[in-house]
Amino acid sequence: MRSLLYIIAVILVIGWVFGFFVNHAGGLIHILLVIAIIALLLGVIRRA
């Protein structure tokens, strides 16, 4: 389960970076970044 969260977080961060450079998705890109950060934080909290 932990590795799945990291995979999702990495995919979302890559999507955010790609969208940042393309600038077609607008605010959706920033929502993806927030979701990725939350997924990483949940992974770190559950590990501890």
PDB file of N, CA and C in Angstrom:
ATOM      1  N   MET A   1       0.827  -1.193   0.000  1.00  0.00           N
ATOM      2  CA  MET A   1       0.000   0.000   0.000  1.00  0.00           C
ATOM      3  C   MET A   1       0.869   1.253   0.000  1.00  0.00           C
ATOM      4  N   ARG A   2       1.973   1.197   0.744  1.00  0.00           N
ATOM      5  CA  ARG A   2       2.853   2.349   0.847  1.00  0.00           C
ATOM      6  C   ARG A   2       3.479   2.675  -0.505  1.00  0.00           C
ATOM      7  N   SER A   3       3.928   1.655  -1.222  1.00  0.00           N
ATOM      8  CA  SER A   3       4.556   1.899  -2.518  1.00  0.00           C
ATOM      9  C   SER A   3       3.538   2.423  -3.531  1.00  0.00           C
ATOM     10  N   LEU A   4       2.286   2.004  -3.383  1.00  0.00           N
ATOM     11  CA  LEU A   4       1.243   2.498  -4.279  1.00  0.00           C
ATOM     12  C   LEU A   4       1.048   4.000  -4.095  1.00  0.00           C
ATOM     13  N   LEU A   5       1.091   4.468  -2.849  1.00  0.00           N
ATOM     14  CA  LEU A   5       0.961   5.907  -2.593  1.00  0.00           C
ATOM     15  C   LEU A   5       2.111   6.673  -3.228  1.00  0.00           C
ATOM     16  N   TYR A   6       3.318   6.133  -3.130  1.00  0.00           N
ATOM     17  CA  TYR A   6       4.465   6.805  -3.725  1.00  0.00           C
ATOM     18  C   TYR A   6       4.371   6.833  -5.244  1.00  0.00           C
ATOM     19  N   ILE A   7       3.903   5.756  -5.836  1.00  0.00           N
ATOM     20  CA  ILE A   7       3.744   5.720  -7.294  1.00  0.00           C
ATOM     21  C   ILE A   7       2.722   6.750  -7.746  1.00  0.00           C
ATOM     22  N   ILE A   8       1.605   6.831  -7.031  1.00  0.00           N
ATOM     23  CA  ILE A   8       0.579   7.819  -7.366  1.00  0.00           C
ATOM     24  C   ILE A   8       1.130   9.232  -7.199  1.00  0.00           C
ATOM     25  N   ALA A   9       1.860   9.463  -6.116  1.00  0.00           N
ATOM     26  CA  ALA A   9       2.427  10.787  -5.871  1.00  0.00           C
ATOM     27  C   ALA A   9       3.415  11.179  -6.970  1.00  0.00           C
ATOM     28  N   VAL A  10       4.250  10.252  -7.387  1.00  0.00           N
ATOM     29  CA  VAL A  10       5.226  10.547  -8.442  1.00  0.00           C
ATOM     30  C   VAL A  10       4.519  10.843  -9.756  1.00  0.00           C
ATOM     31  N   ILE A  11       3.500  10.080 -10.079  1.00  0.00           N
ATOM     32  CA  ILE A  11       2.741  10.325 -11.310  1.00  0.00           C
ATOM     33  C   ILE A  11       2.089  11.702 -11.270  1.00  0.00           C
ATOM     34  N   LEU A  12       1.534  12.071 -10.122  1.00  0.00           N
ATOM     35  CA  LEU A  12       0.891  13.376 -10.001  1.00  0.00           C
ATOM     36  C   LEU A  12       1.901  14.516 -10.096  1.00  0.00           C
ATOM     37  N   VAL A  13       3.066  14.337  -9.506  1.00  0.00           N
ATOM     38  CA  VAL A  13       4.096  15.381  -9.597  1.00  0.00           C
ATOM     39  C   VAL A  13       4.579  15.521 -11.037  1.00  0.00           C
ATOM     40  N   ILE A  14       4.770  14.410 -11.726  1.00  0.00           N
ATOM     41  CA  ILE A  14       5.180  14.472 -13.131  1.00  0.00           C
ATOM     42  C   ILE A  14       4.104  15.169 -13.964  1.00  0.00           C
ATOM     43  N   GLY A  15       2.849  14.859 -13.689  1.00  0.00           N
ATOM     44  CA  GLY A  15       1.753  15.538 -14.389  1.00  0.00           C
ATOM     45  C   GLY A  15       1.730  17.028 -14.093  1.00  0.00           C
ATOM     46  N   TRP A  16       2.036  17.396 -12.845  1.00  0.00           N
ATOM     47  CA  TRP A  16       2.064  18.809 -12.472  1.00  0.00           C
ATOM     48  C   TRP A  16       3.178  19.541 -13.204  1.00  0.00           C
ATOM     49  N   VAL A  17       4.363  18.938 -13.240  1.00  0.00           N
ATOM     50  CA  VAL A  17       5.494  19.565 -13.931  1.00  0.00           C
ATOM     51  C   VAL A  17       5.200  19.698 -15.417  1.00  0.00           C
ATOM     52  N   PHE A  18       4.660  18.657 -16.011  1.00  0.00           N
ATOM     53  CA  PHE A  18       4.319  18.698 -17.437  1.00  0.00           C
ATOM     54  C   PHE A  18       3.276  19.789 -17.702  1.00  0.00           C
ATOM     55  N   GLY A  19       2.263  19.846 -16.876  1.00  0.00           N
ATOM     56  CA  GLY A  19       1.216  20.853 -17.033  1.00  0.00           C
ATOM     57  C   GLY A  19       1.714  22.264 -16.776  1.00  0.00           C
ATOM     58  N   PHE A  20       2.692  22.398 -15.887  1.00  0.00           N
ATOM     59  CA  PHE A  20       3.248  23.712 -15.599  1.00  0.00           C
ATOM     60  C   PHE A  20       3.922  24.287 -16.840  1.00  0.00           C
ATOM     61  N   PHE A  21       4.615  23.435 -17.579  1.00  0.00           N
ATOM     62  CA  PHE A  21       5.302  23.903 -18.774  1.00  0.00           C
ATOM     63  C   PHE A  21       4.355  24.060 -19.963  1.00  0.00           C
ATOM     64  N   VAL A  22       3.318  23.290 -20.010  1.00  0.00           N
ATOM     65  CA  VAL A  22       2.384  23.371 -21.125  1.00  0.00           C
ATOM     66  C   VAL A  22       1.344  24.470 -20.888  1.00  0.00           C
ATOM     67  N   ASN A  23       0.930  24.648 -19.621  1.00  0.00           N
ATOM     68  CA  ASN A  23      -0.023  25.690 -19.213  1.00  0.00           C
ATOM     69  C   ASN A  23      -1.380  25.596 -19.904  1.00  0.00           C
ATOM     70  N   HIS A  24      -1.881  24.412 -20.118  1.00  0.00           N
ATOM     71  CA  HIS A  24      -3.205  24.267 -20.725  1.00  0.00           C
ATOM     72  C   HIS A  24      -4.282  23.889 -19.710  1.00  0.00           C
ATOM     73  N   ALA A  25      -3.877  23.339 -18.572  1.00  0.00           N
ATOM     74  CA  ALA A  25      -4.869  22.818 -17.635  1.00  0.00           C
ATOM     75  C   ALA A  25      -5.253  23.816 -16.549  1.00  0.00           C
ATOM     76  N   GLY A  26      -4.538  24.908 -16.415  1.00  0.00           N
ATOM     77  CA  GLY A  26      -4.891  25.940 -15.444  1.00  0.00           C
ATOM     78  C   GLY A  26      -4.774  25.474 -14.006  1.00  0.00           C
ATOM     79  N   GLY A  27      -5.837  25.655 -13.218  1.00  0.00           N
ATOM     80  CA  GLY A  27      -5.813  25.348 -11.801  1.00  0.00           C
ATOM     81  C   GLY A  27      -5.763  23.869 -11.489  1.00  0.00           C
ATOM     82  N   LEU A  28      -6.125  23.019 -12.436  1.00  0.00           N
ATOM     83  CA  LEU A  28      -6.105  21.574 -12.207  1.00  0.00           C
ATOM     84  C   LEU A  28      -4.701  21.081 -11.877  1.00  0.00           C
ATOM     85  N   ILE A  29      -3.699  21.695 -12.465  1.00  0.00           N
ATOM     86  CA  ILE A  29      -2.319  21.286 -12.235  1.00  0.00           C
ATOM     87  C   ILE A  29      -1.936  21.496 -10.773  1.00  0.00           C
ATOM     88  N   HIS A  30      -2.360  22.605 -10.200  1.00  0.00           N
ATOM     89  CA  HIS A  30      -2.022  22.879  -8.809  1.00  0.00           C
ATOM     90  C   HIS A  30      -2.762  21.935  -7.865  1.00  0.00           C
ATOM     91  N   ILE A  31      -3.943  21.523  -8.253  1.00  0.00           N
ATOM     92  CA  ILE A  31      -4.681  20.536  -7.458  1.00  0.00           C
ATOM     93  C   ILE A  31      -3.940  19.200  -7.476  1.00  0.00           C
ATOM     94  N   LEU A  32      -3.372  18.841  -8.617  1.00  0.00           N
ATOM     95  CA  LEU A  32      -2.583  17.610  -8.707  1.00  0.00           C
ATOM     96  C   LEU A  32      -1.375  17.671  -7.780  1.00  0.00           C
ATOM     97  N   LEU A  33      -0.732  18.826  -7.706  1.00  0.00           N
ATOM     98  CA  LEU A  33       0.418  18.979  -6.826  1.00  0.00           C
ATOM     99  C   LEU A  33       0.007  18.816  -5.368  1.00  0.00           C
ATOM    100  N   VAL A  34      -1.090  19.405  -4.979  1.00  0.00           N
ATOM    101  CA  VAL A  34      -1.570  19.286  -3.600  1.00  0.00           C
ATOM    102  C   VAL A  34      -1.896  17.835  -3.270  1.00  0.00           C
ATOM    103  N   ILE A  35      -2.542  17.130  -4.184  1.00  0.00           N
ATOM    104  CA  ILE A  35      -2.868  15.722  -3.963  1.00  0.00           C
ATOM    105  C   ILE A  35      -1.594  14.889  -3.826  1.00  0.00           C
ATOM    106  N   ALA A  36      -0.583  15.192  -4.643  1.00  0.00           N
ATOM    107  CA  ALA A  36       0.682  14.456  -4.562  1.00  0.00           C
ATOM    108  C   ALA A  36       1.365  14.694  -3.224  1.00  0.00           C
ATOM    109  N   ILE A  37       1.355  15.920  -2.747  1.00  0.00           N
ATOM    110  CA  ILE A  37       1.980  16.223  -1.459  1.00  0.00           C
ATOM    111  C   ILE A  37       1.241  15.517  -0.330  1.00  0.00           C
ATOM    112  N   ILE A  38      -0.077  15.514  -0.385  1.00  0.00           N
ATOM    113  CA  ILE A  38      -0.873  14.824   0.636  1.00  0.00           C
ATOM    114  C   ILE A  38      -0.571  13.327   0.619  1.00  0.00           C
ATOM    115  N   ALA A  39      -0.449  12.748  -0.564  1.00  0.00           N
ATOM    116  CA  ALA A  39      -0.144  11.314  -0.657  1.00  0.00           C
ATOM    117  C   ALA A  39       1.227  11.016  -0.056  1.00  0.00           C
ATOM    118  N   LEU A  40       2.200  11.873  -0.315  1.00  0.00           N
ATOM    119  CA  LEU A  40       3.530  11.671   0.265  1.00  0.00           C
ATOM    120  C   LEU A  40       3.490  11.809   1.782  1.00  0.00           C
ATOM    121  N   LEU A  41       2.782  12.800   2.277  1.00  0.00           N
ATOM    122  CA  LEU A  41       2.675  12.991   3.718  1.00  0.00           C
ATOM    123  C   LEU A  41       1.984  11.800   4.386  1.00  0.00           C
ATOM    124  N   LEU A  42       0.941  11.286   3.770  1.00  0.00           N
ATOM    125  CA  LEU A  42       0.268  10.111   4.324  1.00  0.00           C
ATOM    126  C   LEU A  42       1.214   8.911   4.380  1.00  0.00           C
ATOM    127  N   GLY A  43       2.021   8.768   3.357  1.00  0.00           N
ATOM    128  CA  GLY A  43       3.002   7.669   3.339  1.00  0.00           C
ATOM    129  C   GLY A  43       4.029   7.811   4.450  1.00  0.00           C
ATOM    130  N   VAL A  44       4.493   9.034   4.675  1.00  0.00           N
ATOM    131  CA  VAL A  44       5.475   9.276   5.732  1.00  0.00           C
ATOM    132  C   VAL A  44       4.846   9.078   7.106  1.00  0.00           C
ATOM    133  N   ILE A  45       3.634   9.552   7.298  1.00  0.00           N
ATOM    134  CA  ILE A  45       2.953   9.421   8.585  1.00  0.00           C
ATOM    135  C   ILE A  45       2.662   7.950   8.895  1.00  0.00           C
ATOM    136  N   ARG A  46       2.233   7.206   7.909  1.00  0.00           N
ATOM    137  CA  ARG A  46       1.914   5.787   8.137  1.00  0.00           C
ATOM    138  C   ARG A  46       3.152   4.958   8.391  1.00  0.00           C
ATOM    139  N   ARG A  47       4.293   5.397   7.851  1.00  0.00           N
ATOM    140  CA  ARG A  47       5.542   4.677   8.066  1.00  0.00           C
ATOM    141  C   ARG A  47       6.009   4.840   9.515  1.00  0.00           C
ATOM    142  N   ALA A  48       5.786   6.005  10.097  1.00  0.00           N
ATOM    143  CA  ALA A  48       6.274   6.306  11.462  1.00  0.00           C
ATOM    144  C   ALA A  48       5.497   5.622  12.537  1.00  0.00           C
TER     145      ALA A  48
END
